[in-house]
C-alpha atoms as a PDB file:
ATOM      1  CA  MET A   1      91.058  41.380  18.787  1.00  0.00           C
ATOM      2  CA  THR A   2      91.617  37.693  18.080  1.00  0.00           C
ATOM      3  CA  ASN A   3      89.049  35.176  19.316  1.00  0.00           C
ATOM      4  CA  VAL A   4      90.506  32.140  21.022  1.00  0.00           C
ATOM      5  CA  ASP A   5      88.435  28.975  21.477  1.00  0.00           C
ATOM      6  CA  VAL A   6      88.706  27.614  24.961  1.00  0.00           C
ATOM      7  CA  ILE A   7      88.103  23.914  25.527  1.00  0.00           C
ATOM      8  CA  SER A   8      85.841  23.373  28.485  1.00  0.00           C
ATOM      9  CA  GLY A   9      86.701  20.765  31.049  1.00  0.00           C
ATOM     10  CA  PRO A  10      90.537  20.927  30.863  1.00  0.00           C
ATOM     11  CA  VAL A  11      92.493  17.771  31.455  1.00  0.00           C
ATOM     12  CA  LYS A  12      93.697  17.551  35.026  1.00  0.00           C
ATOM     13  CA  SER A  13      97.454  17.826  35.333  1.00  0.00           C
ATOM     14  CA  ILE A  14      99.176  14.523  35.927  1.00  0.00           C
ATOM     15  CA  ASN A  15     100.799  14.505  39.338  1.00  0.00           C
ATOM     16  CA  ALA A  16     101.619  11.995  42.068  1.00  0.00           C
ATOM     17  CA  SER A  17      98.033  11.976  43.360  1.00  0.00           C
ATOM     18  CA  THR A  18      96.613  11.299  39.880  1.00  0.00           C
ATOM     19  CA  ILE A  19      99.079   8.466  39.276  1.00  0.00           C
ATOM     20  CA  LEU A  20      98.334   6.855  42.648  1.00  0.00           C
ATOM     21  CA  THR A  21      94.579   7.120  42.081  1.00  0.00           C
ATOM     22  CA  SER A  22      94.915   5.531  38.638  1.00  0.00           C
ATOM     23  CA  LEU A  23      97.089   2.736  39.960  1.00  0.00           C
ATOM     24  CA  GLY A  24      94.622   2.207  42.777  1.00  0.00           C
ATOM     25  CA  MET A  25      91.742   1.841  40.314  1.00  0.00           C
ATOM     26  CA  LEU A  26      93.700  -0.683  38.247  1.00  0.00           C
ATOM     27  CA  PHE A  27      94.578  -2.610  41.407  1.00  0.00           C
ATOM     28  CA  LEU A  28      90.919  -2.682  42.430  1.00  0.00           C
ATOM     29  CA  ALA A  29      89.976  -4.000  38.989  1.00  0.00           C
ATOM     30  CA  TYR A  30      92.677  -6.677  39.268  1.00  0.00           C
ATOM     31  CA  ALA A  31      91.582  -7.644  42.784  1.00  0.00           C
ATOM     32  CA  ALA A  32      87.907  -7.746  41.756  1.00  0.00           C
ATOM     33  CA  SER A  33      88.705  -9.979  38.778  1.00  0.00           C
ATOM     34  CA  ARG A  34      90.765 -12.370  40.917  1.00  0.00           C
ATOM     35  CA  ILE A  35      88.131 -12.557  43.649  1.00  0.00           C
ATOM     36  CA  SER A  36      85.294 -13.084  41.177  1.00  0.00           C
ATOM     37  CA  THR A  37      87.319 -15.775  39.398  1.00  0.00           C
ATOM     38  CA  TYR A  38      87.970 -17.589  42.678  1.00  0.00           C
ATOM     39  CA  VAL A  39      84.354 -17.357  43.865  1.00  0.00           C
ATOM     40  CA  LEU A  40      82.852 -18.462  40.542  1.00  0.00           C
ATOM     41  CA  THR A  41      85.368 -21.296  40.174  1.00  0.00           C
ATOM     42  CA  ARG A  42      84.488 -22.617  43.628  1.00  0.00           C
ATOM     43  CA  LEU A  43      80.795 -22.123  42.969  1.00  0.00           C
ATOM     44  CA  SER A  44      81.041 -23.981  39.646  1.00  0.00           C
ATOM     45  CA  GLU A  45      82.220 -27.106  41.474  1.00  0.00           C
ATOM     46  CA  TRP A  46      79.231 -27.050  43.819  1.00  0.00           C
ATOM     47  CA  LYS A  47      77.555 -30.435  43.459  1.00  0.00           C
ATOM     48  CA  PHE A  48      74.029 -29.020  43.849  1.00  0.00           C
ATOM     49  CA  LEU A  49      74.189 -26.818  40.754  1.00  0.00           C
ATOM     50  CA  ASN A  50      72.041 -29.249  38.790  1.00  0.00           C
ATOM     51  CA  VAL A  51      69.178 -28.506  41.208  1.00  0.00           C
ATOM     52  CA  PHE A  52      69.018 -25.050  39.615  1.00  0.00           C
ATOM     53  CA  GLY A  53      69.452 -26.378  36.077  1.00  0.00           C
ATOM     54  CA  LEU A  54      73.090 -25.221  35.921  1.00  0.00           C
ATOM     55  CA  ASN A  55      76.466 -26.870  35.484  1.00  0.00           C
ATOM     56  CA  ARG A  56      80.026 -25.711  36.044  1.00  0.00           C
ATOM     57  CA  ILE A  57      80.483 -24.479  32.456  1.00  0.00           C
ATOM     58  CA  THR A  58      77.438 -22.199  32.538  1.00  0.00           C
ATOM     59  CA  VAL A  59      78.775 -20.617  35.740  1.00  0.00           C
ATOM     60  CA  LYS A  60      82.312 -20.182  34.387  1.00  0.00           C
ATOM     61  CA  ILE A  61      80.988 -18.279  31.358  1.00  0.00           C
ATOM     62  CA  LEU A  62      80.737 -15.254  33.666  1.00  0.00           C
ATOM     63  CA  ILE A  63      84.460 -15.216  34.530  1.00  0.00           C
ATOM     64  CA  PRO A  64      85.872 -13.616  31.333  1.00  0.00           C
ATOM     65  CA  LEU A  65      82.842 -11.311  31.068  1.00  0.00           C
ATOM     66  CA  LEU A  66      83.479  -9.912  34.544  1.00  0.00           C
ATOM     67  CA  LYS A  67      87.219  -9.590  33.904  1.00  0.00           C
ATOM     68  CA  PHE A  68      86.729  -7.413  30.843  1.00  0.00           C
ATOM     69  CA  ALA A  69      83.976  -5.420  32.570  1.00  0.00           C
ATOM     70  CA  PHE A  70      86.165  -4.623  35.600  1.00  0.00           C
ATOM     71  CA  TYR A  71      89.190  -3.524  33.556  1.00  0.00           C
ATOM     72  CA  PHE A  72      87.270  -1.413  31.061  1.00  0.00           C
ATOM     73  CA  ALA A  73      85.282   0.212  33.862  1.00  0.00           C
ATOM     74  CA  ALA A  74      88.539   1.093  35.617  1.00  0.00           C
ATOM     75  CA  ILE A  75      90.074   2.542  32.451  1.00  0.00           C
ATOM     76  CA  TYR A  76      86.939   4.571  31.703  1.00  0.00           C
ATOM     77  CA  PHE A  77      86.839   5.912  35.276  1.00  0.00           C
ATOM     78  CA  ILE A  78      90.500   6.941  35.080  1.00  0.00           C
ATOM     79  CA  LEU A  79      90.024   8.782  31.795  1.00  0.00           C
ATOM     80  CA  ALA A  80      86.664  10.368  32.566  1.00  0.00           C
ATOM     81  CA  SER A  81      86.891  11.098  36.299  1.00  0.00           C
ATOM     82  CA  VAL A  82      90.523  11.119  37.385  1.00  0.00           C
ATOM     83  CA  LEU A  83      91.874  12.937  34.312  1.00  0.00           C
ATOM     84  CA  ASN A  84      88.633  14.902  33.700  1.00  0.00           C
ATOM     85  CA  ILE A  85      88.618  14.102  29.978  1.00  0.00           C
ATOM     86  CA  ALA A  86      85.345  15.187  28.348  1.00  0.00           C
ATOM     87  CA  SER A  87      83.353  12.807  26.150  1.00  0.00           C
ATOM     88  CA  ASP A  88      84.512  14.356  22.845  1.00  0.00           C
ATOM     89  CA  GLU A  89      88.101  14.460  24.068  1.00  0.00           C
ATOM     90  CA  LEU A  90      87.740  10.872  25.262  1.00  0.00           C
ATOM     91  CA  ILE A  91      86.790   9.802  21.747  1.00  0.00           C
ATOM     92  CA  LEU A  92      89.795  11.690  20.332  1.00  0.00           C
ATOM     93  CA  PHE A  93      92.076  10.198  22.976  1.00  0.00           C
ATOM     94  CA  SER A  94      90.784   6.711  22.217  1.00  0.00           C
ATOM     95  CA  GLY A  95      91.516   7.224  18.521  1.00  0.00           C
ATOM     96  CA  LEU A  96      95.047   8.395  19.216  1.00  0.00           C
ATOM     97  CA  LEU A  97      95.610   5.550  21.649  1.00  0.00           C
ATOM     98  CA  GLY A  98      94.304   3.071  19.092  1.00  0.00           C
ATOM     99  CA  ALA A  99      96.668   4.454  16.456  1.00  0.00           C
ATOM    100  CA  GLY A 100      99.574   4.214  18.860  1.00  0.00           C
ATOM    101  CA  LEU A 101      98.718   0.663  19.731  1.00  0.00           C
ATOM    102  CA  GLY A 102      98.297  -0.168  16.071  1.00  0.00           C
ATOM    103  CA  PHE A 103     101.800   1.040  15.217  1.00  0.00           C
ATOM    104  CA  GLY A 104     103.769   0.194  18.326  1.00  0.00           C
ATOM    105  CA  LEU A 105     101.977  -2.674  20.068  1.00  0.00           C
ATOM    106  CA  GLN A 106     100.303  -4.602  17.277  1.00  0.00           C
ATOM    107  CA  GLY A 107     100.688  -7.979  18.965  1.00  0.00           C
ATOM    108  CA  LEU A 108      99.270  -6.829  22.299  1.00  0.00           C
ATOM    109  CA  PHE A 109      96.419  -4.973  20.591  1.00  0.00           C
ATOM    110  CA  ALA A 110      95.554  -8.063  18.517  1.00  0.00           C
ATOM    111  CA  ASP A 111      95.539 -10.225  21.659  1.00  0.00           C
ATOM    112  CA  VAL A 112      93.166  -7.854  23.487  1.00  0.00           C
ATOM    113  CA  ILE A 113      90.820  -7.641  20.485  1.00  0.00           C
ATOM    114  CA  GLY A 114      91.002 -11.430  20.197  1.00  0.00           C
ATOM    115  CA  GLY A 115      90.008 -11.704  23.853  1.00  0.00           C
ATOM    116  CA  LEU A 116      87.002  -9.457  23.243  1.00  0.00           C
ATOM    117  CA  LEU A 117      85.912 -11.577  20.279  1.00  0.00           C
ATOM    118  CA  ILE A 118      86.274 -14.747  22.337  1.00  0.00           C
ATOM    119  CA  VAL A 119      84.007 -13.290  25.031  1.00  0.00           C
ATOM    120  CA  VAL A 120      81.424 -12.056  22.503  1.00  0.00           C
ATOM    121  CA  GLU A 121      81.386 -14.864  19.916  1.00  0.00           C
ATOM    122  CA  ARG A 122      82.381 -17.687  22.302  1.00  0.00           C
ATOM    123  CA  PRO A 123      84.227 -20.090  19.968  1.00  0.00           C
ATOM    124  CA  TYR A 124      85.204 -21.661  23.285  1.00  0.00           C
ATOM    125  CA  GLN A 125      84.731 -20.886  26.963  1.00  0.00           C
ATOM    126  CA  ILE A 126      86.234 -21.821  30.284  1.00  0.00           C
ATOM    127  CA  GLY A 127      85.789 -25.544  30.832  1.00  0.00           C
ATOM    128  CA  ASP A 128      85.812 -26.543  27.148  1.00  0.00           C
ATOM    129  CA  LYS A 129      88.170 -29.152  25.713  1.00  0.00           C
ATOM    130  CA  VAL A 130      89.846 -27.486  22.723  1.00  0.00           C
ATOM    131  CA  THR A 131      92.707 -27.884  20.300  1.00  0.00           C
ATOM    132  CA  MET A 132      94.409 -24.556  19.622  1.00  0.00           C
ATOM    133  CA  GLY A 133      97.924 -23.487  18.787  1.00  0.00           C
ATOM    134  CA  GLY A 134      98.865 -27.146  18.359  1.00  0.00           C
ATOM    135  CA  HIS A 135      97.841 -28.016  21.937  1.00  0.00           C
ATOM    136  CA  TYR A 136      94.878 -29.997  23.298  1.00  0.00           C
ATOM    137  CA  GLY A 137      93.459 -29.494  26.764  1.00  0.00           C
ATOM    138  CA  GLU A 138      90.830 -27.950  29.033  1.00  0.00           C
ATOM    139  CA  VAL A 139      90.461 -24.160  28.987  1.00  0.00           C
ATOM    140  CA  THR A 140      91.039 -22.916  32.541  1.00  0.00           C
ATOM    141  CA  ASP A 141      91.219 -19.154  31.996  1.00  0.00           C
ATOM    142  CA  ILE A 142      90.482 -16.529  29.328  1.00  0.00           C
ATOM    143  CA  GLY A 143      92.494 -13.395  30.082  1.00  0.00           C
ATOM    144  CA  LEU A 144      92.915 -10.031  28.408  1.00  0.00           C
ATOM    145  CA  ARG A 145      95.896 -11.281  26.417  1.00  0.00           C
ATOM    146  CA  VAL A 146      96.138 -15.084  26.609  1.00  0.00           C
ATOM    147  CA  THR A 147      94.005 -18.180  27.012  1.00  0.00           C
ATOM    148  CA  ARG A 148      95.327 -20.809  29.403  1.00  0.00           C
ATOM    149  CA  LEU A 149      94.613 -24.492  29.043  1.00  0.00           C
ATOM    150  CA  VAL A 150      95.771 -27.633  30.828  1.00  0.00           C
ATOM    151  CA  THR A 151      96.883 -30.546  28.649  1.00  0.00           C
ATOM    152  CA  PRO A 152      96.238 -34.239  29.515  1.00  0.00           C
ATOM    153  CA  ASP A 153      99.764 -34.489  30.985  1.00  0.00           C
ATOM    154  CA  ASP A 154      98.905 -31.595  33.384  1.00  0.00           C
ATOM    155  CA  THR A 155     100.962 -28.953  31.563  1.00  0.00           C
ATOM    156  CA  MET A 156      99.737 -25.363  31.656  1.00  0.00           C
ATOM    157  CA  VAL A 157      99.875 -23.787  28.179  1.00  0.00           C
ATOM    158  CA  SER A 158      99.304 -20.081  27.462  1.00  0.00           C
ATOM    159  CA  VAL A 159      98.057 -19.366  23.942  1.00  0.00           C
ATOM    160  CA  PRO A 160      97.758 -15.741  22.667  1.00  0.00           C
ATOM    161  CA  ASN A 161      94.147 -14.724  22.060  1.00  0.00           C
ATOM    162  CA  SER A 162      95.113 -13.503  18.579  1.00  0.00           C
ATOM    163  CA  THR A 163      95.437 -17.186  17.600  1.00  0.00           C
ATOM    164  CA  ILE A 164      91.735 -17.148  16.679  1.00  0.00           C
ATOM    165  CA  PHE A 165      92.507 -14.811  13.753  1.00  0.00           C
ATOM    166  CA  HIS A 166      94.832 -17.142  11.836  1.00  0.00           C
ATOM    167  CA  ASN A 167      94.498 -20.682  13.238  1.00  0.00           C
ATOM    168  CA  PRO A 168      91.496 -23.021  13.373  1.00  0.00           C
ATOM    169  CA  ILE A 169      90.227 -23.981  16.820  1.00  0.00           C
ATOM    170  CA  ALA A 170      88.578 -27.355  17.445  1.00  0.00           C
ATOM    171  CA  ASN A 171      86.112 -27.478  20.343  1.00  0.00           C
ATOM    172  CA  ALA A 172      85.366 -31.029  21.511  1.00  0.00           C
ATOM    173  CA  ASN A 173      82.381 -30.336  23.777  1.00  0.00           C
ATOM    174  CA  ALA A 174      81.225 -26.788  22.806  1.00  0.00           C
ATOM    175  CA  GLY A 175      80.008 -25.753  26.232  1.00  0.00           C
ATOM    176  CA  ASN A 176      78.495 -29.109  27.226  1.00  0.00           C
ATOM    177  CA  LEU A 177      79.589 -31.456  29.988  1.00  0.00           C
ATOM    178  CA  GLU A 178      79.083 -34.442  27.693  1.00  0.00           C
ATOM    179  CA  MET A 179      81.683 -35.088  25.005  1.00  0.00           C
ATOM    180  CA  MET A 180      82.042 -37.662  22.253  1.00  0.00           C
ATOM    181  CA  VAL A 181      84.958 -40.045  22.666  1.00  0.00           C
ATOM    182  CA  VAL A 182      86.231 -42.252  19.826  1.00  0.00           C
ATOM    183  CA  ILE A 183      87.762 -45.618  20.791  1.00  0.00           C
ATOM    184  CA  ASP A 184      89.553 -47.854  18.282  1.00  0.00           C
ATOM    185  CA  LEU A 185      90.251 -51.541  18.869  1.00  0.00           C
ATOM    186  CA  PHE A 186      92.170 -53.728  16.393  1.00  0.00           C
ATOM    187  CA  ILE A 187      91.676 -57.479  16.019  1.00  0.00           C
ATOM    188  CA  ASP A 188      93.082 -60.241  13.853  1.00  0.00           C
ATOM    189  CA  PRO A 189      91.313 -60.439  10.461  1.00  0.00           C
ATOM    190  CA  GLY A 190      90.459 -64.117  11.028  1.00  0.00           C
ATOM    191  CA  CYS A 191      88.449 -63.442  14.196  1.00  0.00           C
ATOM    192  CA  ASP A 192      84.679 -63.047  14.470  1.00  0.00           C
ATOM    193  CA  ALA A 193      84.166 -59.315  13.940  1.00  0.00           C
ATOM    194  CA  THR A 194      80.419 -59.474  14.669  1.00  0.00           C
ATOM    195  CA  LEU A 195      81.037 -61.005  18.074  1.00  0.00           C
ATOM    196  CA  ALA A 196      83.769 -58.446  18.760  1.00  0.00           C
ATOM    197  CA  MET A 197      81.373 -55.592  17.935  1.00  0.00           C
ATOM    198  CA  ASP A 198      78.754 -57.046  20.319  1.00  0.00           C
ATOM    199  CA  ILE A 199      81.337 -57.296  23.109  1.00  0.00           C
ATOM    200  CA  LEU A 200      82.540 -53.735  22.541  1.00  0.00           C
ATOM    201  CA  ARG A 201      78.955 -52.454  22.511  1.00  0.00           C
ATOM    202  CA  GLU A 202      78.269 -54.144  25.844  1.00  0.00           C
ATOM    203  CA  ALA A 203      81.455 -52.695  27.361  1.00  0.00           C
ATOM    204  CA  LEU A 204      80.405 -49.223  26.248  1.00  0.00           C
ATOM    205  CA  VAL A 205      76.778 -49.192  27.425  1.00  0.00           C
ATOM    206  CA  THR A 206      77.672 -50.668  30.834  1.00  0.00           C
ATOM    207  CA  SER A 207      80.484 -48.208  31.576  1.00  0.00           C
ATOM    208  CA  LYS A 208      79.856 -46.012  34.621  1.00  0.00           C
ATOM    209  CA  TYR A 209      81.148 -43.027  32.628  1.00  0.00           C
ATOM    210  CA  VAL A 210      78.856 -43.320  29.599  1.00  0.00           C
ATOM    211  CA  ARG A 211      76.073 -40.876  28.750  1.00  0.00           C
ATOM    212  CA  LEU A 212      73.163 -42.466  26.869  1.00  0.00           C
ATOM    213  CA  SER A 213      70.056 -40.599  25.725  1.00  0.00           C
ATOM    214  CA  GLY A 214      68.090 -39.812  22.593  1.00  0.00           C
ATOM    215  CA  LYS A 215      70.524 -36.987  21.936  1.00  0.00           C
ATOM    216  CA  HIS A 216      73.649 -38.879  22.989  1.00  0.00           C
ATOM    217  CA  LYS A 217      73.702 -42.015  20.870  1.00  0.00           C
ATOM    218  CA  TYR A 218      76.575 -44.351  20.171  1.00  0.00           C
ATOM    219  CA  VAL A 219      77.694 -45.899  16.907  1.00  0.00           C
ATOM    220  CA  ILE A 220      80.003 -48.826  16.123  1.00  0.00           C
ATOM    221  CA  LEU A 221      81.898 -49.031  12.849  1.00  0.00           C
ATOM    222  CA  LEU A 222      83.882 -51.880  11.305  1.00  0.00           C
ATOM    223  CA  LYS A 223      86.571 -51.486   8.678  1.00  0.00           C
ATOM    224  CA  ALA A 224      88.773 -54.239   7.231  1.00  0.00           C
ATOM    225  CA  PHE A 225      92.439 -53.672   6.388  1.00  0.00           C
ATOM    226  CA  PRO A 226      94.920 -56.130   4.821  1.00  0.00           C
ATOM    227  CA  PHE A 227      96.354 -57.410   8.120  1.00  0.00           C
ATOM    228  CA  TYR A 228      93.765 -56.394  10.723  1.00  0.00           C
ATOM    229  CA  LYS A 229      90.203 -55.242  11.347  1.00  0.00           C
ATOM    230  CA  ARG A 230      89.445 -51.991  13.115  1.00  0.00           C
ATOM    231  CA  ILE A 231      86.360 -51.709  15.339  1.00  0.00           C
ATOM    232  CA  ARG A 232      85.587 -48.082  16.142  1.00  0.00           C
ATOM    233  CA  VAL A 233      83.012 -47.018  18.706  1.00  0.00           C
ATOM    234  CA  LYS A 234      81.812 -43.439  19.152  1.00  0.00           C
ATOM    235  CA  GLY A 235      80.073 -42.718  22.438  1.00  0.00           C
ATOM    236  CA  TYR A 236      79.534 -39.879  24.892  1.00  0.00           C
ATOM    237  CA  VAL A 237      81.231 -39.603  28.259  1.00  0.00           C
ATOM    238  CA  ASN A 238      78.980 -38.089  30.941  1.00  0.00           C
ATOM    239  CA  ASP A 239      81.652 -35.561  31.976  1.00  0.00           C
ATOM    240  CA  PHE A 240      84.531 -34.641  29.682  1.00  0.00           C
ATOM    241  CA  ARG A 241      86.927 -34.717  32.639  1.00  0.00           C
ATOM    242  CA  TYR A 242      86.494 -38.500  32.547  1.00  0.00           C
ATOM    243  CA  GLU A 243      87.472 -38.719  28.877  1.00  0.00           C
ATOM    244  CA  PHE A 244      90.517 -40.924  29.464  1.00  0.00           C
ATOM    245  CA  PRO A 245      89.098 -43.031  32.337  1.00  0.00           C
ATOM    246  CA  PHE A 246      86.111 -43.723  30.070  1.00  0.00           C
ATOM    247  CA  GLU A 247      88.348 -44.809  27.190  1.00  0.00           C
ATOM    248  CA  THR A 248      90.465 -46.963  29.510  1.00  0.00           C
ATOM    249  CA  ASP A 249      87.420 -48.577  31.160  1.00  0.00           C
ATOM    250  CA  VAL A 250      85.777 -49.559  27.861  1.00  0.00           C
ATOM    251  CA  THR A 251      89.030 -50.790  26.307  1.00  0.00           C
ATOM    252  CA  ARG A 252      90.070 -52.855  29.349  1.00  0.00           C
ATOM    253  CA  ARG A 253      86.744 -54.624  29.787  1.00  0.00           C
ATOM    254  CA  ALA A 254      86.326 -55.230  26.048  1.00  0.00           C
ATOM    255  CA  TRP A 255      89.716 -56.939  25.795  1.00  0.00           C
ATOM    256  CA  GLN A 256      88.954 -59.075  28.831  1.00  0.00           C
ATOM    257  CA  GLN A 257      85.917 -60.441  26.996  1.00  0.00           C
ATOM    258  CA  PHE A 258      87.853 -60.680  23.716  1.00  0.00           C
ATOM    259  CA  ARG A 259      90.346 -63.045  25.338  1.00  0.00           C
ATOM    260  CA  ARG A 260      87.575 -65.208  26.775  1.00  0.00           C
ATOM    261  CA  ALA A 261      85.927 -65.412  23.336  1.00  0.00           C
ATOM    262  CA  GLY A 262      89.202 -66.244  21.572  1.00  0.00           C
ATOM    263  CA  ILE A 263      89.404 -62.900  19.733  1.00  0.00           C
ATOM    264  CA  ARG A 264      93.051 -62.075  19.190  1.00  0.00           C
ATOM    265  CA  PRO A 265      94.905 -58.829  18.439  1.00  0.00           C
ATOM    266  CA  PRO A 266      96.505 -58.526  14.971  1.00  0.00           C
ATOM    267  CA  ARG A 267      99.528 -60.751  14.420  1.00  0.00           C
ATOM    268  CA  MET A 268     102.713 -58.876  13.616  1.00  0.00           C
ATOM    269  CA  ILE A 269     104.011 -59.886  10.184  1.00  0.00           C
ATOM    270  CA  LEU A 270     107.686 -59.134   9.805  1.00  0.00           C
ATOM    271  CA  ALA A 271     109.558 -58.732   6.554  1.00  0.00           C
ATOM    272  CA  GLU A 272     112.200 -61.210   7.773  1.00  0.00           C
ATOM    273  CA  GLU A 273     109.524 -63.898   8.214  1.00  0.00           C
ATOM    274  CA  HIS A 274     108.372 -63.500   4.604  1.00  0.00           C
ATOM    275  CA  THR A 275     111.948 -63.549   3.317  1.00  0.00           C
ATOM    276  CA  TYR A 276     112.740 -66.756   5.241  1.00  0.00           C
ATOM    277  CA  ARG A 277     109.690 -68.440   3.679  1.00  0.00           C
ATOM    278  CA  GLY A 278     110.725 -67.371   0.215  1.00  0.00           C
ATOM    279  CA  GLU A 279     107.999 -64.693   0.064  1.00  0.00           C
ATOM    280  CA  PRO A 280     108.655 -61.110  -0.959  1.00  0.00           C
ATOM    281  CA  GLY A 281     109.176 -58.785   1.961  1.00  0.00           C
ATOM    282  CA  ILE A 282     106.519 -56.263   2.964  1.00  0.00           C
END
């Protein structure tokens, strides 16, 4: 008589009820992720967060964590409870599914793994100003497959999460509200550069957007070129959302004082002007 091994806990047959239950679980995970995203986004803009030592970025860190938790919990429930797959069979099923994804859906699989790494290692998070995939903007969402960011011209860009595997990512504020902003002003080489640096310094430290502290210091640099001098100031804006208003405010007020002090912008030197004077063209 031949012995036959019987696997305990047989997989439940897939029927209409099983499919509806599975779809229902996925819908609940989707709804829970959308609701939690909405609630946390609204909560992150609450102006009294600083009373509790929090800011909007620390609150938004929870959004991608909850998204992944909801979806993986739903998938595990479907496999373990709805389909009655035992733990050892679940491991085997996961291996087969991984192999199938590896061969047939490499791009999607890489994006999901990239999303997991983003959540765990946090090279950036929701609210950060980053440069990725050739685009610069504020990260507004980290999904299972793509990261969405809004550029300065208010364009929504979706970048695959797998970008982190083969492209560098520059993070301008790294989870902080404050962010360094670099402002360059160019003046005529014959003008008083020391006075111009003093004026630019005053425009920076008196800006309503500036962040000054022992940790957030500013620096002013001067470099001379053949036909102009560049004055570069590096300072911190108190909220990275005011990056461009901060740059505009400092630049506008500095040039107002430059004009009063007789500091001119570089004079354009054209090749035709040199030729007319008998000088070699540039």
